[in-house]
Amino acid sequence: MFWLLCAAGFLTNAIGTALLLNHFSIMQTARIAHGDALLLLSLSAGVQAVATLGTGFLVDRHEPRRLVPFAMLMLAMASALPAFGSGIAISVLYALCLGGAYGSQQAICAAGYAQYFGRDHLGAIRGASFVFGIAGAAFGPLPFAASVDWSGSYAPVLIACFGLCLVCGVGAFAVKRPSCPKSVTTTCERTL
């Protein structure tokens, strides 16, 4: 479970950071004016806030691992839409998906580590997971730059990101809930 949440966090930070750093260039290839591209960032931020609250509501009722596929699907769509479409309608859908992915992933990770591993060592667990998120944010823009340099387009890297998100989302169905050692069963029972 730890690795699933880390992978989802890595992908969200890697792809999200790369999309945001290259936002105006990607929007220009989609034939979106600079002013409209700015509005799309605002739309994405608003959706992110709503998605965080909505996913928080869902995390109270469902296991976080069951919500990871939703977050990854939203991120996959945010990756695929600029690769395969253009125009304002596709760009609005892109902004909605990007905001939804960021917001839902924030809530999933915030609740997921505590729910699956308890609160006793939450700081150490979250600290270790932050390494993956920070690495994702640092690494994410590099393949985007390489894609533009080598192919003249963002399409190859966006398609690869789409595939990685789908793999992570499908992987969530294979991951089992972590079991508690007998020595801490009472603590685990309280947090589950």
N, C-alpha and C. Protein backbone atom coordinates (compact mmCIF):
# COMPACT_ATOMS: atom_id res chain seq x y z
N MET A 1 0.81 -1.18 0.00
CA MET A 1 0.00 0.00 0.00
C MET A 1 0.87 1.26 0.00
N PHE A 2 1.94 1.21 0.79
CA PHE A 2 2.86 2.34 0.85
C PHE A 2 3.36 2.69 -0.55
N TRP A 3 3.74 1.66 -1.31
CA TRP A 3 4.31 1.89 -2.63
C TRP A 3 3.27 2.41 -3.62
N LEU A 4 2.04 1.97 -3.48
CA LEU A 4 0.98 2.49 -4.34
C LEU A 4 0.77 3.98 -4.09
N LEU A 5 0.68 4.36 -2.82
CA LEU A 5 0.47 5.77 -2.50
C LEU A 5 1.68 6.61 -2.92
N CYS A 6 2.88 6.05 -2.77
CA CYS A 6 4.09 6.77 -3.22
C CYS A 6 4.12 6.92 -4.74
N ALA A 7 3.74 5.85 -5.45
CA ALA A 7 3.73 5.91 -6.92
C ALA A 7 2.71 6.93 -7.40
N ALA A 8 1.53 6.93 -6.79
CA ALA A 8 0.51 7.90 -7.18
C ALA A 8 0.97 9.33 -6.88
N GLY A 9 1.61 9.50 -5.73
CA GLY A 9 2.15 10.83 -5.40
C GLY A 9 3.25 11.26 -6.33
N PHE A 10 4.14 10.32 -6.68
CA PHE A 10 5.22 10.61 -7.63
C PHE A 10 4.65 11.05 -8.97
N LEU A 11 3.71 10.26 -9.49
CA LEU A 11 3.14 10.58 -10.81
C LEU A 11 2.39 11.90 -10.79
N THR A 12 1.61 12.13 -9.74
CA THR A 12 0.85 13.38 -9.66
C THR A 12 1.79 14.58 -9.64
N ASN A 13 2.84 14.49 -8.84
CA ASN A 13 3.79 15.61 -8.77
C ASN A 13 4.62 15.73 -10.03
N ALA A 14 5.05 14.62 -10.60
CA ALA A 14 5.87 14.67 -11.82
C ALA A 14 5.08 15.24 -12.99
N ILE A 15 3.94 14.65 -13.25
CA ILE A 15 3.14 15.07 -14.41
C ILE A 15 2.52 16.44 -14.16
N GLY A 16 2.00 16.64 -12.97
CA GLY A 16 1.38 17.92 -12.65
C GLY A 16 2.34 19.09 -12.74
N THR A 17 3.53 18.91 -12.18
CA THR A 17 4.54 19.98 -12.25
C THR A 17 4.94 20.25 -13.69
N ALA A 18 5.15 19.18 -14.46
CA ALA A 18 5.53 19.35 -15.86
C ALA A 18 4.43 20.05 -16.66
N LEU A 19 3.19 19.66 -16.41
CA LEU A 19 2.08 20.31 -17.13
C LEU A 19 1.97 21.78 -16.75
N LEU A 20 2.16 22.09 -15.48
CA LEU A 20 2.06 23.49 -15.07
C LEU A 20 3.23 24.32 -15.57
N LEU A 21 4.45 23.76 -15.54
CA LEU A 21 5.60 24.51 -16.04
C LEU A 21 5.53 24.75 -17.55
N ASN A 22 4.91 23.82 -18.26
CA ASN A 22 4.80 23.94 -19.71
C ASN A 22 3.39 24.36 -20.14
N HIS A 23 2.62 24.87 -19.21
CA HIS A 23 1.21 25.16 -19.46
C HIS A 23 1.00 26.07 -20.68
N PHE A 24 1.69 27.18 -20.71
CA PHE A 24 1.44 28.14 -21.80
C PHE A 24 1.91 27.60 -23.15
N SER A 25 3.00 26.85 -23.14
CA SER A 25 3.47 26.25 -24.39
C SER A 25 2.48 25.18 -24.87
N ILE A 26 2.00 24.35 -23.95
CA ILE A 26 1.02 23.31 -24.32
C ILE A 26 -0.27 23.96 -24.81
N MET A 27 -0.71 25.00 -24.14
CA MET A 27 -1.94 25.69 -24.55
C MET A 27 -1.76 26.38 -25.90
N GLN A 28 -0.56 26.87 -26.17
CA GLN A 28 -0.30 27.49 -27.46
C GLN A 28 -0.41 26.45 -28.58
N THR A 29 0.10 25.23 -28.33
CA THR A 29 -0.03 24.18 -29.35
C THR A 29 -1.50 23.75 -29.52
N ALA A 30 -2.32 23.97 -28.49
CA ALA A 30 -3.76 23.67 -28.59
C ALA A 30 -4.54 24.87 -29.13
N ARG A 31 -3.81 25.91 -29.57
CA ARG A 31 -4.40 27.12 -30.14
C ARG A 31 -5.28 27.88 -29.13
N ILE A 32 -4.77 27.99 -27.90
CA ILE A 32 -5.47 28.73 -26.85
C ILE A 32 -4.70 30.02 -26.60
N ALA A 33 -5.40 31.13 -26.58
CA ALA A 33 -4.77 32.43 -26.34
C ALA A 33 -4.20 32.50 -24.93
N HIS A 34 -3.22 33.36 -24.73
CA HIS A 34 -2.54 33.50 -23.45
C HIS A 34 -3.52 33.86 -22.32
N GLY A 35 -4.42 34.77 -22.58
CA GLY A 35 -5.40 35.17 -21.57
C GLY A 35 -6.33 34.02 -21.19
N ASP A 36 -6.74 33.25 -22.17
CA ASP A 36 -7.59 32.09 -21.88
C ASP A 36 -6.81 31.02 -21.11
N ALA A 37 -5.52 30.89 -21.42
CA ALA A 37 -4.68 29.92 -20.69
C ALA A 37 -4.56 30.31 -19.22
N LEU A 38 -4.50 31.61 -18.97
CA LEU A 38 -4.49 32.08 -17.57
C LEU A 38 -5.79 31.72 -16.86
N LEU A 39 -6.90 31.90 -17.53
CA LEU A 39 -8.19 31.55 -16.95
C LEU A 39 -8.29 30.05 -16.66
N LEU A 40 -7.69 29.25 -17.52
CA LEU A 40 -7.71 27.80 -17.31
C LEU A 40 -6.95 27.42 -16.04
N LEU A 41 -5.88 28.14 -15.72
CA LEU A 41 -5.17 27.89 -14.46
C LEU A 41 -6.07 28.19 -13.26
N SER A 42 -6.83 29.27 -13.34
CA SER A 42 -7.77 29.60 -12.26
C SER A 42 -8.85 28.54 -12.13
N LEU A 43 -9.36 28.08 -13.25
CA LEU A 43 -10.36 27.03 -13.23
C LEU A 43 -9.80 25.76 -12.60
N SER A 44 -8.60 25.40 -12.96
CA SER A 44 -7.96 24.21 -12.42
C SER A 44 -7.78 24.33 -10.90
N ALA A 45 -7.38 25.50 -10.43
CA ALA A 45 -7.21 25.71 -8.98
C ALA A 45 -8.54 25.60 -8.24
N GLY A 46 -9.59 26.15 -8.81
CA GLY A 46 -10.91 26.04 -8.19
C GLY A 46 -11.39 24.61 -8.12
N VAL A 47 -11.19 23.88 -9.20
CA VAL A 47 -11.58 22.46 -9.22
C VAL A 47 -10.74 21.67 -8.22
N GLN A 48 -9.49 22.03 -8.09
CA GLN A 48 -8.62 21.34 -7.12
C GLN A 48 -9.17 21.49 -5.70
N ALA A 49 -9.61 22.66 -5.34
CA ALA A 49 -10.18 22.88 -4.01
C ALA A 49 -11.44 22.05 -3.80
N VAL A 50 -12.31 22.05 -4.78
CA VAL A 50 -13.56 21.28 -4.69
C VAL A 50 -13.26 19.78 -4.65
N ALA A 51 -12.31 19.33 -5.48
CA ALA A 51 -11.96 17.91 -5.52
C ALA A 51 -11.34 17.45 -4.21
N THR A 52 -10.56 18.30 -3.58
CA THR A 52 -9.97 17.95 -2.28
C THR A 52 -11.07 17.73 -1.25
N LEU A 53 -12.03 18.62 -1.20
CA LEU A 53 -13.14 18.47 -0.26
C LEU A 53 -14.01 17.26 -0.60
N GLY A 54 -14.32 17.10 -1.87
CA GLY A 54 -15.16 15.98 -2.30
C GLY A 54 -14.50 14.63 -2.05
N THR A 55 -13.21 14.55 -2.34
CA THR A 55 -12.50 13.30 -2.10
C THR A 55 -12.33 13.05 -0.61
N GLY A 56 -12.17 14.10 0.16
CA GLY A 56 -12.13 13.95 1.61
C GLY A 56 -13.42 13.34 2.13
N PHE A 57 -14.54 13.78 1.58
CA PHE A 57 -15.83 13.20 1.94
C PHE A 57 -15.87 11.71 1.57
N LEU A 58 -15.37 11.37 0.39
CA LEU A 58 -15.36 9.98 -0.06
C LEU A 58 -14.39 9.11 0.74
N VAL A 59 -13.25 9.67 1.14
CA VAL A 59 -12.27 8.91 1.92
C VAL A 59 -12.85 8.51 3.28
N ASP A 60 -13.77 9.31 3.80
CA ASP A 60 -14.43 8.95 5.06
C ASP A 60 -15.34 7.74 4.89
N ARG A 61 -15.72 7.43 3.67
CA ARG A 61 -16.68 6.35 3.43
C ARG A 61 -16.10 5.16 2.67
N HIS A 62 -14.95 5.35 2.03
CA HIS A 62 -14.34 4.30 1.21
C HIS A 62 -12.85 4.23 1.50
N GLU A 63 -12.26 3.09 1.20
CA GLU A 63 -10.82 2.95 1.36
C GLU A 63 -10.08 3.86 0.37
N PRO A 64 -9.01 4.51 0.82
CA PRO A 64 -8.25 5.37 -0.10
C PRO A 64 -7.75 4.64 -1.34
N ARG A 65 -7.35 3.37 -1.20
CA ARG A 65 -6.84 2.65 -2.37
C ARG A 65 -7.90 2.48 -3.44
N ARG A 66 -9.16 2.52 -3.07
CA ARG A 66 -10.25 2.40 -4.03
C ARG A 66 -10.48 3.71 -4.78
N LEU A 67 -9.92 4.80 -4.25
CA LEU A 67 -10.07 6.10 -4.90
C LEU A 67 -8.86 6.46 -5.77
N VAL A 68 -7.76 5.74 -5.60
CA VAL A 68 -6.56 6.01 -6.42
C VAL A 68 -6.86 5.89 -7.91
N PRO A 69 -7.63 4.87 -8.36
CA PRO A 69 -7.91 4.80 -9.80
C PRO A 69 -8.62 6.04 -10.33
N PHE A 70 -9.49 6.64 -9.53
CA PHE A 70 -10.16 7.88 -9.96
C PHE A 70 -9.14 9.00 -10.17
N ALA A 71 -8.25 9.18 -9.20
CA ALA A 71 -7.23 10.23 -9.32
C ALA A 71 -6.33 9.99 -10.52
N MET A 72 -5.94 8.74 -10.72
CA MET A 72 -5.06 8.41 -11.85
C MET A 72 -5.78 8.54 -13.19
N LEU A 73 -7.08 8.23 -13.22
CA LEU A 73 -7.85 8.42 -14.45
C LEU A 73 -7.92 9.91 -14.79
N MET A 74 -8.14 10.74 -13.79
CA MET A 74 -8.18 12.18 -14.04
C MET A 74 -6.83 12.69 -14.55
N LEU A 75 -5.75 12.19 -13.95
CA LEU A 75 -4.41 12.59 -14.40
C LEU A 75 -4.11 12.06 -15.79
N ALA A 76 -4.57 10.85 -16.07
CA ALA A 76 -4.39 10.28 -17.42
C ALA A 76 -5.12 11.13 -18.46
N MET A 77 -6.33 11.54 -18.12
CA MET A 77 -7.09 12.39 -19.04
C MET A 77 -6.41 13.75 -19.23
N ALA A 78 -5.89 14.30 -18.15
CA ALA A 78 -5.18 15.58 -18.26
C ALA A 78 -3.95 15.43 -19.14
N SER A 79 -3.36 14.25 -19.16
CA SER A 79 -2.19 14.00 -20.02
C SER A 79 -2.60 13.77 -21.47
N ALA A 80 -3.70 13.06 -21.67
CA ALA A 80 -4.08 12.68 -23.03
C ALA A 80 -4.76 13.81 -23.80
N LEU A 81 -5.54 14.60 -23.13
CA LEU A 81 -6.32 15.62 -23.84
C LEU A 81 -5.46 16.58 -24.65
N PRO A 82 -4.36 17.13 -24.10
CA PRO A 82 -3.55 18.03 -24.94
C PRO A 82 -2.83 17.30 -26.07
N ALA A 83 -2.61 16.00 -25.91
CA ALA A 83 -1.91 15.24 -26.95
C ALA A 83 -2.81 14.96 -28.14
N PHE A 84 -4.11 14.82 -27.89
CA PHE A 84 -5.02 14.38 -28.95
C PHE A 84 -6.05 15.42 -29.38
N GLY A 85 -6.13 16.52 -28.67
CA GLY A 85 -7.15 17.50 -29.02
C GLY A 85 -6.65 18.92 -28.91
N SER A 86 -7.47 19.82 -29.39
CA SER A 86 -7.16 21.25 -29.28
C SER A 86 -8.48 22.00 -29.21
N GLY A 87 -8.39 23.27 -28.94
CA GLY A 87 -9.58 24.08 -28.84
C GLY A 87 -9.96 24.32 -27.39
N ILE A 88 -10.88 25.24 -27.20
CA ILE A 88 -11.23 25.67 -25.85
C ILE A 88 -11.97 24.59 -25.07
N ALA A 89 -12.84 23.82 -25.71
CA ALA A 89 -13.59 22.78 -24.99
C ALA A 89 -12.64 21.71 -24.44
N ILE A 90 -11.70 21.27 -25.24
CA ILE A 90 -10.71 20.27 -24.79
C ILE A 90 -9.86 20.87 -23.68
N SER A 91 -9.49 22.13 -23.80
CA SER A 91 -8.65 22.77 -22.79
C SER A 91 -9.38 22.95 -21.47
N VAL A 92 -10.66 23.25 -21.52
CA VAL A 92 -11.46 23.34 -20.28
C VAL A 92 -11.54 21.97 -19.63
N LEU A 93 -11.77 20.95 -20.41
CA LEU A 93 -11.81 19.59 -19.87
C LEU A 93 -10.45 19.21 -19.27
N TYR A 94 -9.38 19.62 -19.93
CA TYR A 94 -8.02 19.40 -19.42
C TYR A 94 -7.85 20.06 -18.05
N ALA A 95 -8.28 21.31 -17.92
CA ALA A 95 -8.15 22.02 -16.64
C ALA A 95 -8.98 21.36 -15.56
N LEU A 96 -10.17 20.90 -15.91
CA LEU A 96 -11.02 20.20 -14.94
C LEU A 96 -10.35 18.92 -14.47
N CYS A 97 -9.79 18.16 -15.40
CA CYS A 97 -9.14 16.89 -15.05
C CYS A 97 -7.87 17.12 -14.22
N LEU A 98 -7.08 18.12 -14.58
CA LEU A 98 -5.86 18.40 -13.83
C LEU A 98 -6.18 18.83 -12.41
N GLY A 99 -7.13 19.71 -12.24
CA GLY A 99 -7.54 20.13 -10.90
C GLY A 99 -8.12 18.97 -10.11
N GLY A 100 -8.92 18.15 -10.77
CA GLY A 100 -9.50 16.98 -10.11
C GLY A 100 -8.44 15.99 -9.66
N ALA A 101 -7.43 15.79 -10.49
CA ALA A 101 -6.36 14.85 -10.15
C ALA A 101 -5.56 15.36 -8.96
N TYR A 102 -5.16 16.61 -9.00
CA TYR A 102 -4.39 17.18 -7.89
C TYR A 102 -5.19 17.15 -6.59
N GLY A 103 -6.41 17.63 -6.64
CA GLY A 103 -7.22 17.70 -5.43
C GLY A 103 -7.53 16.34 -4.84
N SER A 104 -7.89 15.39 -5.67
CA SER A 104 -8.23 14.07 -5.14
C SER A 104 -6.99 13.38 -4.59
N GLN A 105 -5.86 13.52 -5.26
CA GLN A 105 -4.65 12.87 -4.77
C GLN A 105 -4.20 13.46 -3.43
N GLN A 106 -4.39 14.75 -3.23
CA GLN A 106 -4.05 15.36 -1.95
C GLN A 106 -4.84 14.72 -0.82
N ALA A 107 -6.12 14.56 -1.00
CA ALA A 107 -6.97 13.98 0.04
C ALA A 107 -6.67 12.50 0.24
N ILE A 108 -6.43 11.79 -0.84
CA ILE A 108 -6.15 10.35 -0.74
C ILE A 108 -4.88 10.11 0.08
N CYS A 109 -3.84 10.84 -0.23
CA CYS A 109 -2.59 10.65 0.51
C CYS A 109 -2.69 11.14 1.95
N ALA A 110 -3.34 12.26 2.16
CA ALA A 110 -3.48 12.79 3.52
C ALA A 110 -4.17 11.78 4.43
N ALA A 111 -5.20 11.14 3.94
CA ALA A 111 -5.94 10.18 4.76
C ALA A 111 -5.38 8.76 4.65
N GLY A 112 -4.84 8.42 3.50
CA GLY A 112 -4.42 7.05 3.25
C GLY A 112 -3.34 6.54 4.18
N TYR A 113 -2.29 7.32 4.38
CA TYR A 113 -1.20 6.86 5.23
C TYR A 113 -1.68 6.64 6.67
N ALA A 114 -2.48 7.55 7.17
CA ALA A 114 -2.98 7.40 8.54
C ALA A 114 -3.93 6.21 8.65
N GLN A 115 -4.78 6.05 7.67
CA GLN A 115 -5.75 4.96 7.73
C GLN A 115 -5.07 3.59 7.62
N TYR A 116 -4.07 3.47 6.78
CA TYR A 116 -3.45 2.17 6.57
C TYR A 116 -2.35 1.84 7.57
N PHE A 117 -1.66 2.86 8.07
CA PHE A 117 -0.49 2.59 8.91
C PHE A 117 -0.62 3.15 10.32
N GLY A 118 -1.73 3.77 10.64
CA GLY A 118 -1.93 4.31 11.97
C GLY A 118 -1.23 5.64 12.17
N ARG A 119 -1.37 6.17 13.35
CA ARG A 119 -0.80 7.49 13.63
C ARG A 119 0.52 7.43 14.39
N ASP A 120 0.87 6.25 14.90
CA ASP A 120 2.06 6.16 15.75
C ASP A 120 3.34 6.62 15.04
N HIS A 121 3.52 6.26 13.80
CA HIS A 121 4.74 6.61 13.06
C HIS A 121 4.41 7.39 11.79
N LEU A 122 3.32 8.13 11.85
CA LEU A 122 2.84 8.84 10.67
C LEU A 122 3.87 9.85 10.14
N GLY A 123 4.57 10.51 11.02
CA GLY A 123 5.58 11.49 10.58
C GLY A 123 6.69 10.85 9.77
N ALA A 124 7.17 9.69 10.23
CA ALA A 124 8.24 9.00 9.51
C ALA A 124 7.73 8.48 8.17
N ILE A 125 6.51 7.96 8.17
CA ILE A 125 5.94 7.42 6.93
C ILE A 125 5.70 8.54 5.93
N ARG A 126 5.09 9.61 6.38
CA ARG A 126 4.83 10.75 5.48
C ARG A 126 6.14 11.39 5.01
N GLY A 127 7.11 11.46 5.90
CA GLY A 127 8.41 12.00 5.52
C GLY A 127 9.06 11.20 4.42
N ALA A 128 9.01 9.88 4.54
CA ALA A 128 9.57 9.02 3.50
C ALA A 128 8.80 9.18 2.19
N SER A 129 7.49 9.29 2.29
CA SER A 129 6.69 9.43 1.06
C SER A 129 6.92 10.78 0.39
N PHE A 130 7.24 11.80 1.17
CA PHE A 130 7.52 13.11 0.58
C PHE A 130 8.71 13.07 -0.36
N VAL A 131 9.66 12.18 -0.09
CA VAL A 131 10.82 12.05 -0.97
C VAL A 131 10.36 11.74 -2.39
N PHE A 132 9.36 10.86 -2.51
CA PHE A 132 8.85 10.49 -3.83
C PHE A 132 8.13 11.66 -4.49
N GLY A 133 7.36 12.39 -3.73
CA GLY A 133 6.66 13.54 -4.27
C GLY A 133 7.61 14.62 -4.76
N ILE A 134 8.62 14.89 -3.96
CA ILE A 134 9.62 15.91 -4.34
C ILE A 134 10.43 15.43 -5.54
N ALA A 135 10.79 14.15 -5.53
CA ALA A 135 11.52 13.61 -6.69
C ALA A 135 10.68 13.70 -7.95
N GLY A 136 9.39 13.44 -7.81
CA GLY A 136 8.50 13.56 -8.97
C GLY A 136 8.46 14.98 -9.51
N ALA A 137 8.34 15.94 -8.60
CA ALA A 137 8.29 17.34 -9.03
C ALA A 137 9.61 17.76 -9.69
N ALA A 138 10.71 17.22 -9.20
CA ALA A 138 12.02 17.57 -9.78
C ALA A 138 12.24 16.86 -11.12
N PHE A 139 11.82 15.61 -11.21
CA PHE A 139 12.08 14.82 -12.41
C PHE A 139 11.06 15.07 -13.52
N GLY A 140 9.82 15.34 -13.17
CA GLY A 140 8.74 15.43 -14.14
C GLY A 140 8.97 16.31 -15.36
N PRO A 141 9.48 17.51 -15.19
CA PRO A 141 9.67 18.37 -16.37
C PRO A 141 10.73 17.89 -17.35
N LEU A 142 11.67 17.04 -16.91
CA LEU A 142 12.76 16.62 -17.80
C LEU A 142 12.28 15.84 -19.01
N PRO A 143 11.41 14.83 -18.87
CA PRO A 143 10.94 14.13 -20.07
C PRO A 143 10.13 15.04 -21.01
N PHE A 144 9.46 16.03 -20.45
CA PHE A 144 8.72 16.97 -21.30
C PHE A 144 9.68 17.77 -22.16
N ALA A 145 10.77 18.24 -21.55
CA ALA A 145 11.78 19.00 -22.32
C ALA A 145 12.43 18.11 -23.37
N ALA A 146 12.74 16.87 -22.99
CA ALA A 146 13.36 15.95 -23.94
C ALA A 146 12.42 15.64 -25.10
N SER A 147 11.14 15.49 -24.80
CA SER A 147 10.16 15.19 -25.85
C SER A 147 10.11 16.31 -26.88
N VAL A 148 10.11 17.55 -26.41
CA VAL A 148 10.06 18.69 -27.33
C VAL A 148 11.36 18.77 -28.12
N ASP A 149 12.50 18.54 -27.45
CA ASP A 149 13.79 18.60 -28.15
C ASP A 149 13.92 17.51 -29.21
N TRP A 150 13.50 16.31 -28.88
CA TRP A 150 13.72 15.17 -29.78
C TRP A 150 12.65 15.02 -30.85
N SER A 151 11.40 15.35 -30.49
CA SER A 151 10.32 15.12 -31.47
C SER A 151 9.65 16.42 -31.92
N GLY A 152 9.93 17.51 -31.22
CA GLY A 152 9.28 18.77 -31.57
C GLY A 152 7.85 18.87 -31.07
N SER A 153 7.46 17.94 -30.20
CA SER A 153 6.08 17.88 -29.74
C SER A 153 6.03 17.33 -28.31
N TYR A 154 4.95 17.69 -27.61
CA TYR A 154 4.70 17.12 -26.29
C TYR A 154 3.96 15.78 -26.39
N ALA A 155 3.46 15.44 -27.56
CA ALA A 155 2.61 14.26 -27.70
C ALA A 155 3.27 12.97 -27.19
N PRO A 156 4.53 12.67 -27.52
CA PRO A 156 5.10 11.40 -27.03
C PRO A 156 5.13 11.29 -25.51
N VAL A 157 5.54 12.36 -24.84
CA VAL A 157 5.62 12.29 -23.37
C VAL A 157 4.22 12.29 -22.76
N LEU A 158 3.28 12.98 -23.36
CA LEU A 158 1.91 12.98 -22.84
C LEU A 158 1.28 11.60 -22.97
N ILE A 159 1.56 10.91 -24.06
CA ILE A 159 1.05 9.55 -24.24
C ILE A 159 1.69 8.61 -23.21
N ALA A 160 2.99 8.77 -22.98
CA ALA A 160 3.67 7.95 -21.97
C ALA A 160 3.09 8.22 -20.58
N CYS A 161 2.82 9.47 -20.27
CA CYS A 161 2.22 9.82 -18.97
C CYS A 161 0.83 9.20 -18.84
N PHE A 162 0.08 9.23 -19.91
CA PHE A 162 -1.24 8.61 -19.92
C PHE A 162 -1.12 7.12 -19.55
N GLY A 163 -0.20 6.44 -20.18
CA GLY A 163 0.00 5.01 -19.91
C GLY A 163 0.44 4.73 -18.48
N LEU A 164 1.36 5.54 -17.96
CA LEU A 164 1.83 5.35 -16.58
C LEU A 164 0.69 5.54 -15.57
N CYS A 165 -0.15 6.52 -15.83
CA CYS A 165 -1.29 6.77 -14.94
C CYS A 165 -2.26 5.59 -14.96
N LEU A 166 -2.50 5.04 -16.13
CA LEU A 166 -3.39 3.89 -16.22
C LEU A 166 -2.81 2.68 -15.49
N VAL A 167 -1.50 2.46 -15.62
CA VAL A 167 -0.86 1.34 -14.92
C VAL A 167 -0.99 1.51 -13.41
N CYS A 168 -0.76 2.71 -12.92
CA CYS A 168 -0.88 2.96 -11.49
C CYS A 168 -2.33 2.78 -11.02
N GLY A 169 -3.27 3.28 -11.79
CA GLY A 169 -4.68 3.14 -11.43
C GLY A 169 -5.13 1.69 -11.40
N VAL A 170 -4.71 0.91 -12.38
CA VAL A 170 -5.05 -0.51 -12.42
C VAL A 170 -4.33 -1.25 -11.29
N GLY A 171 -3.12 -0.84 -10.98
CA GLY A 171 -2.36 -1.45 -9.89
C GLY A 171 -3.06 -1.34 -8.55
N ALA A 172 -3.86 -0.31 -8.39
CA ALA A 172 -4.58 -0.12 -7.12
C ALA A 172 -5.55 -1.27 -6.86
N PHE A 173 -6.03 -1.91 -7.91
CA PHE A 173 -6.94 -3.04 -7.73
C PHE A 173 -6.21 -4.29 -7.26
N ALA A 174 -4.91 -4.37 -7.53
CA ALA A 174 -4.13 -5.55 -7.15
C ALA A 174 -3.56 -5.45 -5.75
N VAL A 175 -3.46 -4.25 -5.22
CA VAL A 175 -2.84 -4.04 -3.92
C VAL A 175 -3.82 -4.41 -2.82
N LYS A 176 -3.30 -5.12 -1.83
CA LYS A 176 -4.12 -5.53 -0.68
C LYS A 176 -3.93 -4.55 0.47
N ARG A 177 -4.93 -4.50 1.31
CA ARG A 177 -4.86 -3.69 2.52
C ARG A 177 -3.74 -4.26 3.40
N PRO A 178 -2.87 -3.41 3.98
CA PRO A 178 -1.80 -3.92 4.83
C PRO A 178 -2.37 -4.59 6.08
N SER A 179 -1.68 -5.63 6.53
CA SER A 179 -2.11 -6.30 7.75
C SER A 179 -1.34 -5.74 8.92
N CYS A 180 -1.91 -5.87 10.08
CA CYS A 180 -1.29 -5.37 11.30
C CYS A 180 -0.56 -6.49 12.02
N PRO A 181 0.65 -6.23 12.51
CA PRO A 181 1.32 -7.23 13.33
C PRO A 181 0.52 -7.47 14.62
N LYS A 182 0.63 -8.66 15.17
CA LYS A 182 -0.14 -9.00 16.37
C LYS A 182 0.17 -8.08 17.53
N SER A 183 1.39 -7.56 17.62
CA SER A 183 1.77 -6.71 18.74
C SER A 183 1.06 -5.37 18.73
N VAL A 184 0.56 -4.94 17.58
CA VAL A 184 -0.12 -3.65 17.51
C VAL A 184 -1.54 -3.79 17.01
N THR A 185 -2.13 -4.95 17.15
CA THR A 185 -3.47 -5.18 16.63
C THR A 185 -4.48 -4.21 17.22
N THR A 186 -4.40 -3.92 18.49
CA THR A 186 -5.39 -3.02 19.10
C THR A 186 -5.26 -1.62 18.52
N THR A 187 -4.03 -1.16 18.26
CA THR A 187 -3.86 0.16 17.65
C THR A 187 -4.41 0.17 16.24
N CYS A 188 -4.11 -0.89 15.47
CA CYS A 188 -4.60 -0.96 14.09
C CYS A 188 -6.11 -1.02 14.06
N GLU A 189 -6.72 -1.79 14.96
CA GLU A 189 -8.17 -1.90 14.97
C GLU A 189 -8.83 -0.56 15.24
N ARG A 190 -8.19 0.24 16.08
CA ARG A 190 -8.76 1.56 16.38
C ARG A 190 -8.69 2.48 15.18
N THR A 191 -7.61 2.39 14.39
CA THR A 191 -7.46 3.31 13.28
C THR A 191 -8.17 2.84 12.02
N LEU A 192 -8.51 1.57 11.94
CA LEU A 192 -9.20 1.06 10.75
C LEU A 192 -10.64 1.20 10.97
